Amino acid sequence: MEEDIKSLKAEIETIKLRNTRVEADKAWETSIFRLTVLSIITFIFSITVLYFVKTEEYLLSALSSTAGLIISS
């Protein structure tokens, strides 16, 4: 009986550690810093690609793809 209780306590501790890790991951996924970094990278990448394919108003086009990323997040 006592071993069962110890086993259950160990399982609860494992679950608590996992929950802490999951909460940290969720905090990163919803952080403003992450969204800002991804937006900047997307904007720079879009500018580069659109510039080399000779798109007119490539800055505006890159901005629209970045806005799509921000809205979808």
Protein backbone atom coordinates (compact mmCIF):
# COMPACT_ATOMS: atom_id res chain seq x y z
CA MET A 1 0.00 0.00 0.00
CA GLU A 2 2.78 2.38 0.90
CA GLU A 3 4.58 1.62 -2.37
CA ASP A 4 1.43 2.50 -4.28
CA ILE A 5 1.25 5.86 -2.54
CA LYS A 6 4.92 6.55 -3.30
CA SER A 7 4.34 5.56 -6.92
CA LEU A 8 1.35 7.89 -7.18
CA LYS A 9 3.32 10.75 -5.63
CA ALA A 10 6.13 10.18 -8.14
CA GLU A 11 3.62 10.22 -10.99
CA ILE A 12 2.09 13.45 -9.71
CA GLU A 13 5.53 15.08 -9.55
CA THR A 14 6.24 13.95 -13.12
CA ILE A 15 2.96 15.45 -14.29
CA LYS A 16 3.67 18.72 -12.46
CA LEU A 17 7.09 18.98 -14.13
CA ARG A 18 5.55 18.32 -17.54
CA ASN A 19 2.86 20.94 -16.93
CA THR A 20 5.51 23.50 -16.00
CA ARG A 21 7.38 22.75 -19.24
CA VAL A 22 4.18 22.96 -21.30
CA GLU A 23 3.24 26.30 -19.71
CA ALA A 24 6.69 27.68 -20.56
CA ASP A 25 6.33 26.52 -24.17
CA LYS A 26 2.90 28.12 -24.42
CA ALA A 27 4.24 31.38 -22.99
CA TRP A 28 6.90 31.41 -25.73
CA GLU A 29 4.37 30.67 -28.46
CA THR A 30 2.18 33.60 -27.42
CA SER A 31 4.96 36.08 -26.63
CA ILE A 32 5.19 39.46 -28.34
CA PHE A 33 8.96 39.02 -28.70
CA ARG A 34 8.51 35.83 -30.76
CA LEU A 35 5.93 37.48 -33.00
CA THR A 36 8.20 40.51 -33.51
CA VAL A 37 11.21 38.38 -34.44
CA LEU A 38 9.19 36.23 -36.83
CA SER A 39 7.65 39.32 -38.43
CA ILE A 40 11.04 40.92 -39.02
CA ILE A 41 12.47 37.73 -40.50
CA THR A 42 9.41 37.30 -42.73
CA PHE A 43 9.59 40.91 -43.89
CA ILE A 44 13.30 40.71 -44.76
CA PHE A 45 12.89 37.37 -46.54
CA SER A 46 9.87 38.65 -48.49
CA ILE A 47 11.70 41.82 -49.53
CA THR A 48 14.65 39.78 -50.76
CA VAL A 49 12.58 37.34 -52.79
CA LEU A 50 10.27 39.97 -54.25
CA TYR A 51 13.20 42.23 -55.15
CA PHE A 52 14.99 39.49 -57.06
CA VAL A 53 11.87 38.49 -59.01
CA LYS A 54 11.51 42.16 -59.98
CA THR A 55 8.13 42.74 -58.37
CA GLU A 56 6.85 46.28 -58.54
CA GLU A 57 6.32 47.80 -55.09
CA TYR A 58 8.10 44.90 -53.43
CA LEU A 59 8.15 46.73 -50.08
CA LEU A 60 4.37 46.98 -50.00
CA SER A 61 3.99 43.36 -51.09
CA ALA A 62 6.41 42.25 -48.37
CA LEU A 63 4.45 44.27 -45.85
CA SER A 64 1.21 42.52 -46.82
CA SER A 65 2.70 39.06 -46.26
CA THR A 66 4.05 40.19 -42.90
CA ALA A 67 0.65 41.61 -41.96
CA GLY A 68 -0.88 38.24 -42.82
CA LEU A 69 1.52 36.56 -40.41
CA ILE A 70 0.66 39.01 -37.64
CA ILE A 71 -3.09 38.66 -38.18
CA SER A 72 -2.93 34.86 -38.22
CA SER A 73 -0.99 34.80 -34.97
